[in-house]
Amino acid sequence: MFEVYIDGASAGNPGCSGAGIFIKGNKVVEEYSIPLGYMNNHQAEFHALIHALEICHSKKYSVVSIRTDSKIVCDSIEKKFVKRDEFKPLLQKVLTMIESFDLFFIKWIPEKKNRHADRLARAAIHKN
């Protein structure tokens, strides 16, 4: 199983944004700092998850456990529902993507346990 820590960050809300992804498992440790362009913080959180799933899929990781400090992302995935129209296509994309994994878990964690992904996300802002 691969533990995948994700975070999205925005300098302003909306503003320049970035995704941080930290993956560990099976003697693998990977870090990604991905610029996302201009969006709000919640969009950045969803995009961080999408990028993480794309990476895991491309590396053929079949069992992934996502860790996020975003309650909106975690709750949306678990309930398969979002209220705001702007997030509906992002949620649908994620739900389609997770079907390709043998096992998929998502868990909310406090910010203090997600500092590594947060640092990567903040570094990505400066790459825009």
Protein backbone atom coordinates (compact mmCIF):
# COMPACT_ATOMS: atom_id res chain seq x y z
CA MET A 1 0.00 0.00 0.00
CA PHE A 2 1.12 3.51 -0.79
CA GLU A 3 0.38 6.39 1.58
CA VAL A 4 -0.18 9.52 -0.46
CA TYR A 5 -0.18 12.86 1.35
CA ILE A 6 -1.67 15.72 -0.67
CA ASP A 7 -2.16 19.43 -0.20
CA GLY A 8 -3.26 22.34 -2.32
CA ALA A 9 -2.29 25.91 -1.54
CA SER A 10 -3.14 29.33 -2.95
CA ALA A 11 -1.42 32.68 -2.50
CA GLY A 12 -4.66 34.61 -2.23
CA ASN A 13 -8.08 33.07 -2.60
CA PRO A 14 -8.15 32.89 -5.57
CA GLY A 15 -4.50 33.30 -6.47
CA CYS A 16 -1.44 31.49 -7.77
CA SER A 17 -1.76 27.91 -6.59
CA GLY A 18 0.23 24.75 -6.22
CA ALA A 19 -0.12 21.09 -5.33
CA GLY A 20 2.13 19.15 -2.99
CA ILE A 21 2.24 15.36 -3.14
CA PHE A 22 4.29 13.10 -0.90
CA ILE A 23 4.17 9.35 -1.56
CA LYS A 24 5.67 6.61 0.58
CA GLY A 25 5.38 2.85 0.58
CA ASN A 26 7.14 -0.33 -0.57
CA LYS A 27 10.58 1.30 -0.11
CA VAL A 28 9.45 4.22 -2.30
CA VAL A 29 9.58 7.88 -1.30
CA GLU A 30 8.49 10.45 -3.87
CA GLU A 31 7.84 14.19 -3.73
CA TYR A 32 6.04 16.38 -6.24
CA SER A 33 5.59 20.14 -6.31
CA ILE A 34 3.19 21.03 -9.12
CA PRO A 35 2.20 24.57 -10.13
CA LEU A 36 -1.53 24.85 -10.79
CA GLY A 37 -1.99 28.39 -12.08
CA TYR A 38 -4.71 30.70 -10.81
CA MET A 39 -7.52 29.16 -8.71
CA ASN A 40 -9.01 29.15 -5.24
CA ASN A 41 -7.77 26.99 -2.38
CA HIS A 42 -10.53 24.38 -2.61
CA GLN A 43 -9.93 23.93 -6.34
CA ALA A 44 -6.21 23.52 -5.59
CA GLU A 45 -7.04 20.76 -3.09
CA PHE A 46 -9.08 18.86 -5.68
CA HIS A 47 -6.37 19.32 -8.32
CA ALA A 48 -3.74 18.02 -5.89
CA LEU A 49 -5.80 14.85 -5.53
CA ILE A 50 -6.25 14.52 -9.29
CA HIS A 51 -2.50 14.89 -9.89
CA ALA A 52 -1.75 12.36 -7.14
CA LEU A 53 -4.13 9.83 -8.66
CA GLU A 54 -2.61 10.38 -12.11
CA ILE A 55 0.87 9.77 -10.70
CA CYS A 56 -0.21 6.63 -8.83
CA HIS A 57 -2.03 5.30 -11.88
CA SER A 58 0.97 5.93 -14.16
CA LYS A 59 3.23 4.04 -11.75
CA LYS A 60 0.72 1.20 -11.50
CA TYR A 61 0.20 1.61 -7.74
CA SER A 62 -2.95 -0.43 -7.22
CA VAL A 63 -3.58 0.20 -3.50
CA VAL A 64 -3.48 3.82 -2.36
CA SER A 65 -4.41 5.56 0.83
CA ILE A 66 -4.84 9.30 0.39
CA ARG A 67 -4.22 11.57 3.37
CA THR A 68 -5.52 15.14 3.17
CA ASP A 69 -6.16 18.01 5.55
CA SER A 70 -9.01 19.22 3.32
CA LYS A 71 -12.35 18.29 4.86
CA ILE A 72 -14.21 19.38 1.71
CA VAL A 73 -12.21 16.98 -0.47
CA CYS A 74 -12.41 14.09 1.98
CA ASP A 75 -16.13 14.54 2.66
CA SER A 76 -16.93 15.01 -1.04
CA ILE A 77 -15.20 11.76 -1.99
CA GLU A 78 -16.80 9.80 0.84
CA LYS A 79 -20.32 11.16 0.14
CA LYS A 80 -19.83 11.34 -3.65
CA PHE A 81 -21.44 14.75 -3.53
CA VAL A 82 -20.53 18.46 -3.59
CA LYS A 83 -22.89 21.40 -3.23
CA ARG A 84 -21.01 23.91 -5.36
CA ASP A 85 -21.31 23.54 -9.12
CA GLU A 86 -17.67 24.54 -9.69
CA PHE A 87 -16.50 21.39 -7.87
CA LYS A 88 -18.86 18.91 -9.56
CA PRO A 89 -16.64 18.20 -12.61
CA LEU A 90 -13.60 17.81 -10.34
CA LEU A 91 -15.45 15.35 -8.10
CA GLN A 92 -16.70 13.38 -11.11
CA LYS A 93 -13.18 13.14 -12.49
CA VAL A 94 -11.87 11.85 -9.15
CA LEU A 95 -14.67 9.31 -8.78
CA THR A 96 -13.94 7.98 -12.27
CA MET A 97 -10.21 7.82 -11.58
CA ILE A 98 -10.50 5.90 -8.32
CA GLU A 99 -12.31 3.08 -10.11
CA SER A 100 -8.99 2.09 -11.69
CA PHE A 101 -7.44 1.20 -8.31
CA ASP A 102 -7.83 -2.18 -6.63
CA LEU A 103 -8.22 -0.44 -3.27
CA PHE A 104 -8.67 3.26 -2.58
CA PHE A 105 -8.88 4.93 0.81
CA ILE A 106 -9.13 8.59 1.75
CA LYS A 107 -8.60 9.91 5.24
CA TRP A 108 -8.74 13.37 6.75
CA ILE A 109 -5.69 14.29 8.84
CA PRO A 110 -4.91 17.45 10.81
CA GLU A 111 -2.71 20.10 9.17
CA LYS A 112 0.17 19.37 11.56
CA LYS A 113 0.39 15.83 10.16
CA ASN A 114 0.44 17.10 6.58
CA ARG A 115 3.30 19.61 6.79
CA HIS A 116 5.45 17.85 4.22
CA ALA A 117 2.79 18.06 1.49
CA ASP A 118 2.04 21.64 2.56
CA ARG A 119 5.69 22.67 2.06
CA LEU A 120 5.67 21.06 -1.39
CA ALA A 121 2.43 22.86 -2.32
CA ARG A 122 3.80 26.23 -1.17
CA ALA A 123 7.00 25.65 -3.16
CA ALA A 124 4.87 24.93 -6.23
CA ILE A 125 3.20 28.36 -5.94
CA HIS A 126 6.56 29.97 -6.64
CA LYS A 127 7.00 27.88 -9.79
CA ASN A 128 3.97 29.52 -11.48
